[in-house]
Amino acid sequence: MVHYSEARLDTAFAALSDATRRGVLEQLGRSEASITELADRFHMTLTGMKKHISVLERAGLVTTRKVGRVRTCRSGLSGLEEEAAWIENYRKMWSARFEALDEVIEELQAQENDDERHGK
């Protein structure tokens, strides 16, 4: 089984748990933006947006650079590969369980149909 860094997963999923931060990532996926532009876009204070950006930076999802008085944000280096692999592992497990359940249901339905035909 693949081993994942719990701290990294916790940090990334915590960062992704907030709708505003997911919106910021979506926006930065289209183009970089200053913290001021992001705060305006999401109708929040500059301080509030700085906190969101800080959480995203700690998770490696956003990088910032300061030029003069403007701090510009862009998508980070983390491509969420480890997180996607973790999710995929569980998706495969649940898919296998649902397929097994489907087989049981099909067997029960076939048995029920057979019983009905034989008057049981």
Protein backbone atom coordinates (compact mmCIF):
# COMPACT_ATOMS: atom_id res chain seq x y z
CA MET A 1 0.00 0.00 0.00
CA VAL A 2 1.18 3.51 -0.77
CA HIS A 3 2.06 5.59 2.28
CA TYR A 4 0.97 9.18 2.39
CA SER A 5 2.22 12.03 4.50
CA GLU A 6 -0.58 12.54 7.01
CA ALA A 7 0.54 16.08 7.77
CA ARG A 8 0.57 16.99 4.09
CA LEU A 9 -2.86 15.46 3.49
CA ASP A 10 -4.29 17.14 6.58
CA THR A 11 -2.91 20.51 5.53
CA ALA A 12 -4.11 20.21 1.93
CA PHE A 13 -7.60 18.95 2.80
CA ALA A 14 -7.98 21.59 5.52
CA ALA A 15 -7.06 24.25 2.96
CA LEU A 16 -9.53 22.80 0.45
CA SER A 17 -12.32 22.54 3.02
CA ASP A 18 -13.22 26.21 2.66
CA ALA A 19 -15.34 27.39 -0.28
CA THR A 20 -13.54 30.74 -0.48
CA ARG A 21 -10.14 29.05 -0.72
CA ARG A 22 -11.43 26.70 -3.40
CA GLY A 23 -12.72 29.76 -5.26
CA VAL A 24 -9.34 31.46 -4.92
CA LEU A 25 -7.64 28.37 -6.38
CA GLU A 26 -10.10 28.36 -9.26
CA GLN A 27 -9.42 32.04 -9.92
CA LEU A 28 -5.65 31.58 -9.73
CA GLY A 29 -5.94 28.67 -12.13
CA ARG A 30 -7.07 31.19 -14.73
CA SER A 31 -4.59 33.96 -13.91
CA GLU A 32 -2.48 35.32 -11.11
CA ALA A 33 -3.95 38.09 -8.99
CA SER A 34 -2.99 40.40 -6.16
CA ILE A 35 -4.36 39.83 -2.68
CA THR A 36 -6.27 43.10 -3.05
CA GLU A 37 -7.89 41.91 -6.29
CA LEU A 38 -8.84 38.61 -4.66
CA ALA A 39 -10.27 40.37 -1.59
CA ASP A 40 -12.40 42.58 -3.85
CA ARG A 41 -13.53 39.64 -5.97
CA PHE A 42 -14.63 37.65 -2.91
CA HIS A 43 -16.09 40.69 -1.09
CA MET A 44 -13.91 40.39 1.97
CA THR A 45 -11.38 42.38 3.92
CA LEU A 46 -7.73 42.40 2.97
CA THR A 47 -6.89 40.83 6.33
CA GLY A 48 -9.39 38.02 5.74
CA MET A 49 -7.99 37.29 2.30
CA LYS A 50 -4.41 37.33 3.64
CA LYS A 51 -5.42 34.63 6.12
CA HIS A 52 -6.90 32.49 3.35
CA ILE A 53 -3.79 32.95 1.22
CA SER A 54 -1.59 32.01 4.18
CA VAL A 55 -3.48 28.72 4.60
CA LEU A 56 -3.15 27.99 0.87
CA GLU A 57 0.57 28.84 0.96
CA ARG A 58 1.20 26.46 3.88
CA ALA A 59 -0.47 23.71 1.85
CA GLY A 60 1.73 24.49 -1.16
CA LEU A 61 -1.31 25.35 -3.25
CA VAL A 62 -0.43 29.03 -3.73
CA THR A 63 2.79 31.00 -3.98
CA THR A 64 3.14 34.74 -3.54
CA ARG A 65 5.70 37.32 -4.47
CA LYS A 66 5.93 40.89 -3.37
CA VAL A 67 6.87 43.62 -5.79
CA GLY A 68 6.82 47.00 -4.11
CA ARG A 69 3.63 47.15 -2.08
CA VAL A 70 1.75 44.56 -4.14
CA ARG A 71 1.70 40.87 -3.18
CA THR A 72 0.77 38.77 -6.19
CA CYS A 73 -0.56 35.22 -5.89
CA ARG A 74 -0.34 32.35 -8.33
CA SER A 75 -1.05 28.65 -8.29
CA GLY A 76 1.48 26.80 -6.19
CA LEU A 77 3.84 23.98 -6.95
CA SER A 78 1.62 21.32 -5.40
CA GLY A 79 -0.35 19.68 -8.17
CA LEU A 80 -2.32 17.70 -5.58
CA GLU A 81 -0.87 14.44 -6.95
CA GLU A 82 -0.53 12.85 -3.51
CA GLU A 83 -4.00 13.96 -2.50
CA ALA A 84 -5.50 12.70 -5.76
CA ALA A 85 -3.73 9.35 -5.31
CA TRP A 86 -5.14 9.05 -1.78
CA ILE A 87 -8.66 9.76 -3.07
CA GLU A 88 -8.20 7.34 -5.99
CA ASN A 89 -7.18 4.57 -3.59
CA TYR A 90 -10.47 4.94 -1.72
CA ARG A 91 -12.45 5.34 -4.92
CA LYS A 92 -11.12 1.98 -6.14
CA MET A 93 -11.93 0.33 -2.81
CA TRP A 94 -15.51 1.62 -2.81
CA SER A 95 -15.96 0.76 -6.47
CA ALA A 96 -14.92 -2.84 -5.76
CA ARG A 97 -17.33 -3.01 -2.81
CA PHE A 98 -20.22 -1.68 -4.88
CA GLU A 99 -19.45 -4.16 -7.67
CA ALA A 100 -19.50 -7.01 -5.13
CA LEU A 101 -22.82 -5.71 -3.77
CA ASP A 102 -24.24 -5.56 -7.32
CA GLU A 103 -23.27 -9.22 -7.81
CA VAL A 104 -25.05 -10.23 -4.59
CA ILE A 105 -28.17 -8.30 -5.62
CA GLU A 106 -28.14 -9.91 -9.07
CA GLU A 107 -27.83 -13.38 -7.49
CA LEU A 108 -30.70 -12.68 -5.10
CA GLN A 109 -32.89 -11.35 -7.93
CA ALA A 110 -32.11 -14.40 -10.07
CA GLN A 111 -32.95 -16.68 -7.15
CA GLU A 112 -36.19 -14.78 -6.52
CA ASN A 113 -37.15 -15.02 -10.20
CA ASP A 114 -36.34 -18.75 -10.18
CA ASP A 115 -38.46 -19.25 -7.05
CA GLU A 116 -41.39 -17.40 -8.66
CA ARG A 117 -41.19 -19.58 -11.79
CA HIS A 118 -41.22 -22.75 -9.72
CA GLY A 119 -44.08 -21.57 -7.50
CA LYS A 120 -42.08 -21.35 -4.32
